[in-house]
Amino acid sequence: MSVDTLFDLEPHYAWLAIGLVLAVGEMAIPGVFLIWMAGAAVIVGLFSWVVPIGVPLQVVLFALLSIAAVFVGRRYLRDNPIVAADPMMNMRGDRLVGETVVVTQAIAGGSGRVRLGDSEWLARGPDAVPGTRLKVVGHDGTVLVVEPV
């Protein structure tokens, strides 16, 4: 039995497979778009399993459900935005603003090195001798901008 014959006899398996592929696609390339179409495909697959309807009607049902699901999903996400648990997770420099650092290499002429935790950073700020405590007020790439506490 060929694949084409199988899908001709059991089109609900094709819809369930399409739904699975779309759901995997959403996991691989997240964008909160394919998941709604995956849901529509699964609904069409389950509906066509229970109610014997033709493939053209299944395609129309899938199109209508996909459009409706995408619009409902977009409205839901607009009204209930996804809030990150840690919005500055990948912004290391921004996370350091407000931290206290200790000068390890004198800041002379506007640049030097400071210790924060267990690492040293390049720093830009007012002249300071080693051991001076300063506060991070910003960053310029990997260079911390510091000022007196």
N, C-alpha and C. Protein backbone atom coordinates (compact mmCIF):
# COMPACT_ATOMS: atom_id res chain seq x y z
N MET A 1 0.86 -1.17 0.00
CA MET A 1 0.00 0.00 0.00
C MET A 1 0.90 1.24 0.00
N SER A 2 0.68 2.14 -0.92
CA SER A 2 1.53 3.33 -1.00
C SER A 2 1.05 4.39 -0.02
N VAL A 3 1.91 5.39 0.17
CA VAL A 3 1.57 6.49 1.09
C VAL A 3 0.35 7.24 0.58
N ASP A 4 0.29 7.49 -0.72
CA ASP A 4 -0.86 8.21 -1.28
C ASP A 4 -2.16 7.45 -1.02
N THR A 5 -2.13 6.13 -1.16
CA THR A 5 -3.33 5.33 -0.94
C THR A 5 -3.72 5.39 0.54
N LEU A 6 -2.73 5.34 1.44
CA LEU A 6 -3.02 5.41 2.86
C LEU A 6 -3.72 6.72 3.21
N PHE A 7 -3.20 7.84 2.68
CA PHE A 7 -3.82 9.12 2.99
C PHE A 7 -5.18 9.27 2.33
N ASP A 8 -5.39 8.59 1.21
CA ASP A 8 -6.71 8.63 0.59
C ASP A 8 -7.72 7.87 1.45
N LEU A 9 -7.28 6.78 2.08
CA LEU A 9 -8.20 6.00 2.91
C LEU A 9 -8.38 6.62 4.29
N GLU A 10 -7.33 7.16 4.86
CA GLU A 10 -7.37 7.68 6.22
C GLU A 10 -6.82 9.11 6.27
N PRO A 11 -7.56 10.12 5.77
CA PRO A 11 -7.01 11.48 5.75
C PRO A 11 -6.81 12.08 7.13
N HIS A 12 -7.49 11.54 8.15
CA HIS A 12 -7.31 12.10 9.49
C HIS A 12 -5.88 11.87 9.98
N TYR A 13 -5.24 10.77 9.56
CA TYR A 13 -3.83 10.56 9.93
C TYR A 13 -2.94 11.64 9.33
N ALA A 14 -3.25 12.05 8.12
CA ALA A 14 -2.48 13.11 7.48
C ALA A 14 -2.61 14.41 8.26
N TRP A 15 -3.82 14.74 8.71
CA TRP A 15 -4.03 15.98 9.47
C TRP A 15 -3.33 15.91 10.83
N LEU A 16 -3.39 14.75 11.47
CA LEU A 16 -2.70 14.60 12.75
C LEU A 16 -1.18 14.71 12.56
N ALA A 17 -0.67 14.15 11.46
CA ALA A 17 0.76 14.25 11.17
C ALA A 17 1.15 15.70 10.87
N ILE A 18 0.30 16.41 10.12
CA ILE A 18 0.57 17.82 9.83
C ILE A 18 0.57 18.63 11.12
N GLY A 19 -0.38 18.34 12.01
CA GLY A 19 -0.42 19.03 13.30
C GLY A 19 0.84 18.77 14.10
N LEU A 20 1.32 17.54 14.10
CA LEU A 20 2.55 17.20 14.81
C LEU A 20 3.75 17.92 14.21
N VAL A 21 3.86 17.95 12.89
CA VAL A 21 4.96 18.63 12.22
C VAL A 21 4.93 20.13 12.52
N LEU A 22 3.76 20.74 12.49
CA LEU A 22 3.64 22.16 12.81
C LEU A 22 4.01 22.44 14.27
N ALA A 23 3.63 21.56 15.18
CA ALA A 23 3.97 21.75 16.59
C ALA A 23 5.48 21.62 16.79
N VAL A 24 6.10 20.67 16.11
CA VAL A 24 7.56 20.54 16.19
C VAL A 24 8.22 21.77 15.58
N GLY A 25 7.65 22.26 14.49
CA GLY A 25 8.18 23.48 13.87
C GLY A 25 8.10 24.67 14.82
N GLU A 26 7.05 24.77 15.60
CA GLU A 26 6.92 25.85 16.58
C GLU A 26 7.97 25.72 17.67
N MET A 27 8.28 24.50 18.06
CA MET A 27 9.32 24.31 19.08
C MET A 27 10.70 24.63 18.52
N ALA A 28 10.93 24.29 17.25
CA ALA A 28 12.23 24.54 16.65
C ALA A 28 12.43 26.02 16.32
N ILE A 29 11.38 26.68 15.86
CA ILE A 29 11.44 28.10 15.48
C ILE A 29 10.30 28.80 16.21
N PRO A 30 10.49 29.11 17.50
CA PRO A 30 9.38 29.69 18.25
C PRO A 30 8.98 31.07 17.74
N GLY A 31 7.72 31.26 17.60
CA GLY A 31 7.21 32.55 17.16
C GLY A 31 5.75 32.70 17.52
N VAL A 32 5.20 31.69 18.20
CA VAL A 32 3.81 31.67 18.63
C VAL A 32 2.88 31.88 17.44
N PHE A 33 3.19 31.18 16.36
CA PHE A 33 2.34 31.29 15.17
C PHE A 33 1.95 29.90 14.69
N LEU A 34 2.91 29.01 14.54
CA LEU A 34 2.62 27.68 14.01
C LEU A 34 1.78 26.84 14.97
N ILE A 35 1.87 27.13 16.26
CA ILE A 35 1.15 26.31 17.23
C ILE A 35 -0.36 26.41 17.02
N TRP A 36 -0.83 27.58 16.59
CA TRP A 36 -2.27 27.74 16.36
C TRP A 36 -2.70 26.93 15.14
N MET A 37 -1.86 26.91 14.12
CA MET A 37 -2.16 26.10 12.94
C MET A 37 -2.06 24.62 13.26
N ALA A 38 -1.14 24.25 14.15
CA ALA A 38 -1.03 22.85 14.57
C ALA A 38 -2.31 22.42 15.27
N GLY A 39 -2.83 23.29 16.13
CA GLY A 39 -4.08 22.99 16.80
C GLY A 39 -5.23 22.81 15.82
N ALA A 40 -5.26 23.68 14.81
CA ALA A 40 -6.31 23.58 13.79
C ALA A 40 -6.19 22.25 13.03
N ALA A 41 -4.97 21.84 12.71
CA ALA A 41 -4.77 20.58 11.99
C ALA A 41 -5.20 19.39 12.85
N VAL A 42 -4.88 19.42 14.13
CA VAL A 42 -5.28 18.33 15.02
C VAL A 42 -6.80 18.28 15.15
N ILE A 43 -7.43 19.44 15.27
CA ILE A 43 -8.90 19.47 15.36
C ILE A 43 -9.52 18.90 14.09
N VAL A 44 -9.00 19.29 12.92
CA VAL A 44 -9.52 18.76 11.66
C VAL A 44 -9.30 17.24 11.61
N GLY A 45 -8.11 16.79 12.06
CA GLY A 45 -7.84 15.35 12.06
C GLY A 45 -8.79 14.59 12.94
N LEU A 46 -9.04 15.10 14.15
CA LEU A 46 -9.96 14.42 15.06
C LEU A 46 -11.40 14.49 14.54
N PHE A 47 -11.78 15.65 13.98
CA PHE A 47 -13.14 15.81 13.44
C PHE A 47 -13.36 14.87 12.25
N SER A 48 -12.35 14.79 11.35
CA SER A 48 -12.52 13.93 10.18
C SER A 48 -12.45 12.45 10.55
N TRP A 49 -11.90 12.13 11.70
CA TRP A 49 -11.88 10.76 12.18
C TRP A 49 -13.28 10.34 12.63
N VAL A 50 -14.00 11.29 13.26
CA VAL A 50 -15.32 11.01 13.80
C VAL A 50 -16.40 11.18 12.73
N VAL A 51 -16.31 12.26 11.95
CA VAL A 51 -17.32 12.56 10.94
C VAL A 51 -16.70 12.37 9.56
N PRO A 52 -17.25 11.49 8.75
CA PRO A 52 -16.67 11.26 7.42
C PRO A 52 -16.99 12.42 6.47
N ILE A 53 -16.02 13.34 6.33
CA ILE A 53 -16.19 14.46 5.40
C ILE A 53 -15.09 14.37 4.35
N GLY A 54 -15.34 14.94 3.21
CA GLY A 54 -14.39 14.89 2.11
C GLY A 54 -13.15 15.75 2.38
N VAL A 55 -12.09 15.44 1.64
CA VAL A 55 -10.84 16.18 1.81
C VAL A 55 -10.99 17.66 1.46
N PRO A 56 -11.72 18.03 0.39
CA PRO A 56 -11.87 19.47 0.13
C PRO A 56 -12.51 20.22 1.29
N LEU A 57 -13.50 19.62 1.92
CA LEU A 57 -14.13 20.26 3.08
C LEU A 57 -13.17 20.31 4.27
N GLN A 58 -12.34 19.29 4.39
CA GLN A 58 -11.32 19.29 5.45
C GLN A 58 -10.33 20.44 5.25
N VAL A 59 -9.92 20.67 4.03
CA VAL A 59 -8.98 21.76 3.73
C VAL A 59 -9.62 23.11 4.06
N VAL A 60 -10.89 23.28 3.69
CA VAL A 60 -11.60 24.53 3.99
C VAL A 60 -11.74 24.70 5.51
N LEU A 61 -12.07 23.61 6.19
CA LEU A 61 -12.20 23.66 7.65
C LEU A 61 -10.86 24.02 8.29
N PHE A 62 -9.76 23.43 7.79
CA PHE A 62 -8.43 23.75 8.30
C PHE A 62 -8.11 25.22 8.09
N ALA A 63 -8.39 25.74 6.91
CA ALA A 63 -8.11 27.15 6.61
C ALA A 63 -8.89 28.07 7.55
N LEU A 64 -10.18 27.79 7.71
CA LEU A 64 -11.01 28.62 8.58
C LEU A 64 -10.56 28.54 10.04
N LEU A 65 -10.27 27.33 10.52
CA LEU A 65 -9.81 27.17 11.89
C LEU A 65 -8.45 27.82 12.11
N SER A 66 -7.57 27.72 11.11
CA SER A 66 -6.25 28.34 11.23
C SER A 66 -6.36 29.85 11.34
N ILE A 67 -7.16 30.44 10.48
CA ILE A 67 -7.34 31.90 10.51
C ILE A 67 -7.94 32.33 11.85
N ALA A 68 -8.98 31.62 12.27
CA ALA A 68 -9.62 31.97 13.54
C ALA A 68 -8.65 31.79 14.71
N ALA A 69 -7.90 30.68 14.72
CA ALA A 69 -6.98 30.41 15.82
C ALA A 69 -5.87 31.45 15.88
N VAL A 70 -5.34 31.85 14.73
CA VAL A 70 -4.27 32.85 14.73
C VAL A 70 -4.78 34.18 15.26
N PHE A 71 -5.95 34.60 14.82
CA PHE A 71 -6.50 35.87 15.31
C PHE A 71 -6.84 35.81 16.80
N VAL A 72 -7.44 34.74 17.25
CA VAL A 72 -7.76 34.60 18.66
C VAL A 72 -6.48 34.53 19.48
N GLY A 73 -5.49 33.78 18.99
CA GLY A 73 -4.22 33.68 19.69
C GLY A 73 -3.49 35.01 19.78
N ARG A 74 -3.49 35.77 18.69
CA ARG A 74 -2.84 37.09 18.71
C ARG A 74 -3.54 38.03 19.69
N ARG A 75 -4.86 38.01 19.70
CA ARG A 75 -5.60 38.86 20.63
C ARG A 75 -5.32 38.45 22.07
N TYR A 76 -5.29 37.14 22.32
CA TYR A 76 -5.00 36.66 23.67
C TYR A 76 -3.60 37.10 24.11
N LEU A 77 -2.61 36.93 23.25
CA LEU A 77 -1.25 37.32 23.61
C LEU A 77 -1.09 38.83 23.74
N ARG A 78 -1.87 39.59 22.99
CA ARG A 78 -1.83 41.05 23.14
C ARG A 78 -2.39 41.46 24.50
N ASP A 79 -3.48 40.81 24.91
CA ASP A 79 -4.11 41.14 26.18
C ASP A 79 -3.38 40.53 27.38
N ASN A 80 -2.66 39.43 27.17
CA ASN A 80 -1.93 38.73 28.23
C ASN A 80 -0.50 38.50 27.78
N PRO A 81 0.32 39.55 27.75
CA PRO A 81 1.69 39.38 27.24
C PRO A 81 2.51 38.43 28.12
N ILE A 82 3.45 37.77 27.48
CA ILE A 82 4.34 36.86 28.18
C ILE A 82 5.42 37.70 28.85
N VAL A 83 5.51 37.58 30.17
CA VAL A 83 6.48 38.36 30.94
C VAL A 83 7.64 37.44 31.30
N ALA A 84 8.84 37.87 30.97
CA ALA A 84 10.02 37.07 31.27
C ALA A 84 10.27 37.04 32.77
N ALA A 85 10.71 35.91 33.27
CA ALA A 85 11.01 35.78 34.69
C ALA A 85 12.20 36.67 35.07
N ASP A 86 13.15 36.80 34.16
CA ASP A 86 14.31 37.65 34.39
C ASP A 86 14.56 38.43 33.10
N PRO A 87 13.97 39.63 32.98
CA PRO A 87 14.05 40.36 31.72
C PRO A 87 15.47 40.74 31.31
N MET A 88 16.41 40.77 32.24
CA MET A 88 17.78 41.14 31.89
C MET A 88 18.72 39.93 31.85
N MET A 89 18.14 38.76 31.60
CA MET A 89 18.92 37.54 31.64
C MET A 89 20.13 37.59 30.70
N ASN A 90 19.97 38.04 29.51
CA ASN A 90 21.05 38.05 28.53
C ASN A 90 21.69 39.42 28.37
N MET A 91 21.47 40.30 29.30
CA MET A 91 22.07 41.64 29.25
C MET A 91 22.96 41.80 30.47
N ARG A 92 24.13 41.15 30.41
CA ARG A 92 25.00 41.10 31.58
C ARG A 92 25.43 42.48 32.04
N GLY A 93 25.79 43.36 31.11
CA GLY A 93 26.22 44.70 31.49
C GLY A 93 25.13 45.47 32.20
N ASP A 94 23.90 45.37 31.74
CA ASP A 94 22.78 46.06 32.38
C ASP A 94 22.50 45.52 33.78
N ARG A 95 22.75 44.23 33.98
CA ARG A 95 22.53 43.63 35.29
C ARG A 95 23.50 44.17 36.33
N LEU A 96 24.64 44.67 35.87
CA LEU A 96 25.67 45.12 36.80
C LEU A 96 25.48 46.54 37.28
N VAL A 97 24.58 47.28 36.64
CA VAL A 97 24.35 48.67 37.05
C VAL A 97 23.87 48.69 38.50
N GLY A 98 24.53 49.52 39.31
CA GLY A 98 24.19 49.62 40.72
C GLY A 98 25.09 48.79 41.63
N GLU A 99 25.87 47.87 41.05
CA GLU A 99 26.77 47.04 41.84
C GLU A 99 27.97 47.85 42.31
N THR A 100 28.56 47.44 43.41
CA THR A 100 29.77 48.09 43.92
C THR A 100 30.97 47.27 43.48
N VAL A 101 31.99 47.95 42.96
CA VAL A 101 33.21 47.31 42.48
C VAL A 101 34.41 47.86 43.26
N VAL A 102 35.52 47.14 43.20
CA VAL A 102 36.76 47.57 43.86
C VAL A 102 37.83 47.72 42.78
N VAL A 103 38.50 48.86 42.78
CA VAL A 103 39.54 49.12 41.79
C VAL A 103 40.72 48.19 42.05
N THR A 104 41.16 47.46 41.02
CA THR A 104 42.32 46.57 41.14
C THR A 104 43.54 47.15 40.43
N GLN A 105 43.32 47.90 39.39
CA GLN A 105 44.40 48.59 38.67
C GLN A 105 43.97 50.04 38.59
N ALA A 106 44.81 50.93 39.04
CA ALA A 106 44.45 52.34 39.16
C ALA A 106 43.75 52.85 37.92
N ILE A 107 42.68 53.62 38.15
CA ILE A 107 41.99 54.28 37.05
C ILE A 107 42.70 55.61 36.87
N ALA A 108 43.45 55.72 35.79
CA ALA A 108 44.20 56.94 35.49
C ALA A 108 43.90 57.34 34.06
N GLY A 109 43.64 58.60 33.86
CA GLY A 109 43.30 59.07 32.52
C GLY A 109 41.95 58.54 32.05
N GLY A 110 41.14 58.11 33.00
CA GLY A 110 39.79 57.68 32.65
C GLY A 110 39.61 56.19 32.48
N SER A 111 40.68 55.37 32.53
CA SER A 111 40.49 53.93 32.36
C SER A 111 41.37 53.14 33.32
N GLY A 112 40.89 51.96 33.69
CA GLY A 112 41.61 51.07 34.59
C GLY A 112 40.87 49.76 34.68
N ARG A 113 41.07 49.01 35.77
CA ARG A 113 40.42 47.72 35.96
C ARG A 113 39.77 47.67 37.34
N VAL A 114 38.63 46.98 37.40
CA VAL A 114 37.92 46.82 38.66
C VAL A 114 37.55 45.35 38.85
N ARG A 115 37.33 44.96 40.11
CA ARG A 115 36.90 43.60 40.43
C ARG A 115 35.43 43.64 40.84
N LEU A 116 34.69 42.72 40.23
CA LEU A 116 33.28 42.55 40.57
C LEU A 116 33.06 41.06 40.74
N GLY A 117 32.78 40.66 41.95
CA GLY A 117 32.62 39.22 42.20
C GLY A 117 33.96 38.54 42.04
N ASP A 118 34.00 37.55 41.15
CA ASP A 118 35.24 36.81 40.94
C ASP A 118 35.91 37.15 39.60
N SER A 119 35.50 38.25 38.97
CA SER A 119 36.10 38.61 37.69
C SER A 119 36.52 40.07 37.66
N GLU A 120 37.46 40.35 36.76
CA GLU A 120 37.92 41.73 36.58
C GLU A 120 37.36 42.27 35.29
N TRP A 121 37.06 43.55 35.32
CA TRP A 121 36.49 44.23 34.17
C TRP A 121 37.30 45.48 33.88
N LEU A 122 37.33 45.85 32.61
CA LEU A 122 37.86 47.16 32.25
C LEU A 122 36.85 48.18 32.75
N ALA A 123 37.37 49.32 33.20
CA ALA A 123 36.46 50.34 33.73
C ALA A 123 36.85 51.71 33.21
N ARG A 124 35.84 52.55 33.10
CA ARG A 124 36.05 53.94 32.70
C ARG A 124 35.37 54.82 33.73
N GLY A 125 36.10 55.83 34.20
CA GLY A 125 35.53 56.71 35.20
C GLY A 125 36.58 57.65 35.74
N PRO A 126 36.27 58.29 36.88
CA PRO A 126 37.22 59.24 37.47
C PRO A 126 38.44 58.51 38.01
N ASP A 127 39.54 59.23 38.09
CA ASP A 127 40.78 58.64 38.61
C ASP A 127 40.56 58.07 40.00
N ALA A 128 41.13 56.87 40.25
CA ALA A 128 40.98 56.21 41.55
C ALA A 128 42.16 55.26 41.75
N VAL A 129 42.58 55.12 42.99
CA VAL A 129 43.69 54.23 43.33
C VAL A 129 43.16 52.84 43.64
N PRO A 130 44.01 51.79 43.55
CA PRO A 130 43.56 50.43 43.89
C PRO A 130 42.98 50.38 45.30
N GLY A 131 41.91 49.61 45.45
CA GLY A 131 41.22 49.47 46.72
C GLY A 131 40.02 50.39 46.87
N THR A 132 39.90 51.40 46.01
CA THR A 132 38.78 52.33 46.07
C THR A 132 37.49 51.61 45.65
N ARG A 133 36.42 51.88 46.37
CA ARG A 133 35.11 51.31 46.05
C ARG A 133 34.36 52.29 45.16
N LEU A 134 33.84 51.77 44.05
CA LEU A 134 33.09 52.58 43.10
C LEU A 134 31.76 51.89 42.79
N LYS A 135 30.86 52.63 42.16
CA LYS A 135 29.55 52.09 41.80
C LYS A 135 29.44 52.05 40.28
N VAL A 136 28.90 50.97 39.75
CA VAL A 136 28.68 50.83 38.30
C VAL A 136 27.44 51.63 37.94
N VAL A 137 27.58 52.57 36.99
CA VAL A 137 26.45 53.39 36.56
C VAL A 137 26.04 53.09 35.11
N GLY A 138 26.81 52.25 34.44
CA GLY A 138 26.48 51.92 33.06
C GLY A 138 27.58 51.06 32.46
N HIS A 139 27.50 50.84 31.17
CA HIS A 139 28.53 50.07 30.49
C HIS A 139 28.60 50.52 29.03
N ASP A 140 29.76 50.30 28.46
CA ASP A 140 29.98 50.57 27.03
C ASP A 140 30.57 49.30 26.47
N GLY A 141 29.72 48.40 26.02
CA GLY A 141 30.17 47.08 25.60
C GLY A 141 30.62 46.30 26.82
N THR A 142 31.92 45.95 26.86
CA THR A 142 32.44 45.20 28.00
C THR A 142 33.19 46.09 28.99
N VAL A 143 33.12 47.37 28.80
CA VAL A 143 33.77 48.33 29.70
C VAL A 143 32.72 48.91 30.64
N LEU A 144 32.96 48.76 31.95
CA LEU A 144 32.01 49.28 32.93
C LEU A 144 32.27 50.77 33.14
N VAL A 145 31.21 51.54 33.23
CA VAL A 145 31.29 52.96 33.53
C VAL A 145 31.02 53.09 35.03
N VAL A 146 32.01 53.67 35.75
CA VAL A 146 31.92 53.73 37.21
C VAL A 146 32.00 55.16 37.70
N GLU A 147 31.53 55.36 38.95
CA GLU A 147 31.62 56.66 39.62
C GLU A 147 31.77 56.41 41.13
N PRO A 148 32.20 57.41 41.86
CA PRO A 148 32.35 57.22 43.31
C PRO A 148 31.03 56.85 43.98
N VAL A 149 31.15 56.03 45.03
CA VAL A 149 29.96 55.58 45.76
C VAL A 149 29.31 56.69 46.47
